[in-house]
Amino acid sequence: MLTCRVPGMFNEFAAAPEVERLMSSFFASPTATGGAAQAFPPLNVWEDADSLHVEAELPGFSMENLEITTLSNELTIAGSRSEAAPENATFHRRERAAGGSSQFRRTLRIGVPIDADQVTARLEQGVLTVTLPKAAAAKPRKIEVKAG
């Protein structure tokens, strides 16, 4: 149990059950919190002048087991993989999904219009890169200034 030895309001704050639960889950291992330490897969999302880019870490996945879709202002990345559990194994720690099937689905809101027909995806060394070209209306446009 979390205890606080500072007098005053901090004792009441530290004794709150919600604070104790949050602190316990923060310092616990991922398996102790139900395996949901963070969203899977971890993503990087960035943009340049022409496109948005999404990078996802997907070790052990193949393109055949991934589904990437765009719908209006959303990108969804979904996938599954099957792994065989070792026979007669006694696990001391189990953080990776094993035995049976591992599935995920992540949906991201896209803040700019994209050209859905030009979206590309590449899986290389366990990293999925999705490139979402911006629609012409979303790209910066240089305005020519003419003399009076």
Protein backbone atom coordinates (compact mmCIF):
# COMPACT_ATOMS: atom_id res chain seq x y z
CA MET A 1 0.00 0.00 0.00
CA LEU A 2 1.20 3.50 -0.85
CA THR A 3 1.70 5.65 2.24
CA CYS A 4 2.77 9.22 2.60
CA ARG A 5 4.49 10.58 5.68
CA VAL A 6 4.04 14.26 4.82
CA PRO A 7 1.47 15.95 7.09
CA GLY A 8 -1.65 17.66 5.83
CA MET A 9 -3.53 17.12 2.60
CA PHE A 10 -0.91 14.78 1.07
CA ASN A 11 -1.89 11.98 3.47
CA GLU A 12 -5.48 12.10 2.23
CA PHE A 13 -4.35 12.22 -1.39
CA ALA A 14 -1.96 9.29 -1.03
CA ALA A 15 -4.55 7.17 0.76
CA ALA A 16 -7.06 7.46 -2.09
CA PRO A 17 -7.69 3.98 -3.58
CA GLU A 18 -7.48 5.31 -7.15
CA VAL A 19 -4.01 6.76 -6.56
CA GLU A 20 -2.85 3.48 -5.05
CA ARG A 21 -4.20 1.51 -8.03
CA LEU A 22 -2.53 3.85 -10.54
CA MET A 23 0.81 3.78 -8.75
CA SER A 24 0.70 -0.01 -8.45
CA SER A 25 -0.03 -0.45 -12.14
CA PHE A 26 2.65 2.09 -13.11
CA PHE A 27 5.40 0.17 -11.33
CA ALA A 28 4.12 -3.33 -12.14
CA SER A 29 5.32 -5.49 -15.00
CA PRO A 30 3.14 -5.58 -18.16
CA THR A 31 1.90 -9.08 -17.34
CA ALA A 32 0.79 -7.99 -13.87
CA THR A 33 -1.45 -5.33 -15.43
CA GLY A 34 -3.10 -7.72 -17.87
CA GLY A 35 -0.47 -7.27 -20.57
CA ALA A 36 -1.71 -3.80 -21.54
CA ALA A 37 1.32 -1.69 -20.70
CA GLN A 38 0.96 0.34 -23.89
CA ALA A 39 -0.94 0.33 -27.14
CA PHE A 40 0.28 -2.16 -29.70
CA PRO A 41 1.91 -1.64 -32.04
CA PRO A 42 3.94 1.38 -30.94
CA LEU A 43 3.67 4.10 -33.59
CA ASN A 44 5.53 7.13 -34.87
CA VAL A 45 3.41 9.56 -36.89
CA TRP A 46 5.02 12.48 -38.69
CA GLU A 47 4.52 14.65 -41.74
CA ASP A 48 6.44 16.55 -44.34
CA ALA A 49 5.18 18.98 -46.96
CA ASP A 50 3.74 16.24 -49.19
CA SER A 51 2.68 13.33 -46.95
CA LEU A 52 1.84 11.93 -43.55
CA HIS A 53 3.93 8.95 -42.47
CA VAL A 54 3.04 6.24 -39.97
CA GLU A 55 5.70 3.82 -38.73
CA ALA A 56 4.67 0.80 -36.66
CA GLU A 57 6.87 -1.83 -35.00
CA LEU A 58 5.51 -5.24 -36.02
CA PRO A 59 8.09 -7.95 -35.31
CA GLY A 60 6.99 -11.37 -36.47
CA PHE A 61 4.17 -10.09 -38.70
CA SER A 62 4.03 -10.58 -42.46
CA MET A 63 2.23 -8.39 -45.02
CA GLU A 64 -0.18 -11.26 -45.72
CA ASN A 65 -1.47 -10.96 -42.14
CA LEU A 66 -1.88 -7.17 -42.14
CA GLU A 67 -4.87 -5.10 -43.24
CA ILE A 68 -4.48 -1.38 -43.83
CA THR A 69 -7.56 0.70 -44.65
CA THR A 70 -8.46 4.36 -44.97
CA LEU A 71 -11.96 5.73 -44.59
CA SER A 72 -12.64 9.48 -44.75
CA ASN A 73 -10.29 10.86 -42.06
CA GLU A 74 -9.13 7.60 -40.44
CA LEU A 75 -6.33 5.09 -40.97
CA THR A 76 -6.77 1.60 -39.54
CA ILE A 77 -3.94 -0.90 -39.20
CA ALA A 78 -4.99 -4.41 -38.16
CA GLY A 79 -3.12 -7.69 -38.08
CA SER A 80 -2.76 -11.14 -36.65
CA ARG A 81 -0.07 -13.74 -36.19
CA SER A 82 0.00 -17.26 -34.85
CA GLU A 83 2.80 -18.60 -32.73
CA ALA A 84 3.29 -22.12 -31.52
CA ALA A 85 3.95 -22.42 -27.79
CA PRO A 86 6.96 -24.59 -26.93
CA GLU A 87 6.01 -28.07 -25.73
CA ASN A 88 6.51 -28.86 -22.04
CA ALA A 89 7.70 -25.32 -21.35
CA THR A 90 7.50 -23.68 -17.94
CA PHE A 91 7.40 -19.92 -18.39
CA HIS A 92 9.10 -17.70 -15.82
CA ARG A 93 7.94 -14.53 -17.56
CA ARG A 94 5.53 -14.20 -20.47
CA GLU A 95 5.18 -10.76 -22.04
CA ARG A 96 4.96 -11.76 -25.69
CA ALA A 97 1.79 -13.35 -26.97
CA ALA A 98 2.41 -17.01 -27.69
CA GLY A 99 0.35 -20.08 -28.37
CA GLY A 100 -2.75 -19.41 -30.39
CA SER A 101 -3.29 -16.12 -32.13
CA SER A 102 -2.22 -12.55 -31.45
CA GLN A 103 -4.39 -9.81 -32.98
CA PHE A 104 -4.45 -6.02 -32.91
CA ARG A 105 -6.36 -3.10 -34.43
CA ARG A 106 -5.27 0.57 -34.24
CA THR A 107 -7.25 3.42 -35.74
CA LEU A 108 -5.80 6.92 -36.12
CA ARG A 109 -7.58 10.12 -37.02
CA ILE A 110 -5.97 11.93 -39.92
CA GLY A 111 -6.03 15.70 -39.57
CA VAL A 112 -5.62 16.59 -43.25
CA PRO A 113 -7.28 15.39 -46.47
CA ILE A 114 -5.27 12.61 -48.14
CA ASP A 115 -5.15 11.10 -51.61
CA ALA A 116 -6.41 7.62 -50.68
CA ASP A 117 -5.57 6.18 -54.12
CA GLN A 118 -1.86 6.94 -53.60
CA VAL A 119 -1.40 5.47 -50.07
CA THR A 120 1.47 2.97 -49.90
CA ALA A 121 2.61 0.49 -47.26
CA ARG A 122 5.99 -1.23 -46.86
CA LEU A 123 7.07 -3.82 -44.28
CA GLU A 124 10.84 -4.02 -43.82
CA GLN A 125 12.73 -5.68 -40.94
CA GLY A 126 9.63 -5.68 -38.72
CA VAL A 127 8.78 -2.01 -39.29
CA LEU A 128 5.63 -1.11 -41.24
CA THR A 129 5.76 2.27 -42.99
CA VAL A 130 2.51 3.69 -44.34
CA THR A 131 2.79 6.82 -46.51
CA LEU A 132 -0.38 8.88 -46.91
CA PRO A 133 0.10 11.56 -49.59
CA LYS A 134 -1.74 14.78 -48.81
CA ALA A 135 -4.51 15.82 -51.17
CA ALA A 136 -3.65 18.83 -53.32
CA ALA A 137 -5.98 21.01 -51.22
CA ALA A 138 -3.97 20.18 -48.07
CA LYS A 139 -0.54 20.99 -49.49
CA PRO A 140 1.05 24.39 -49.01
CA ARG A 141 0.72 26.51 -52.10
CA LYS A 142 3.01 29.35 -53.05
CA ILE A 143 1.15 32.44 -54.20
CA GLU A 144 2.85 34.55 -56.80
CA VAL A 145 2.85 38.25 -56.04
CA LYS A 146 2.47 40.46 -59.11
CA ALA A 147 3.52 44.05 -59.42
CA GLY A 148 0.64 46.58 -59.50
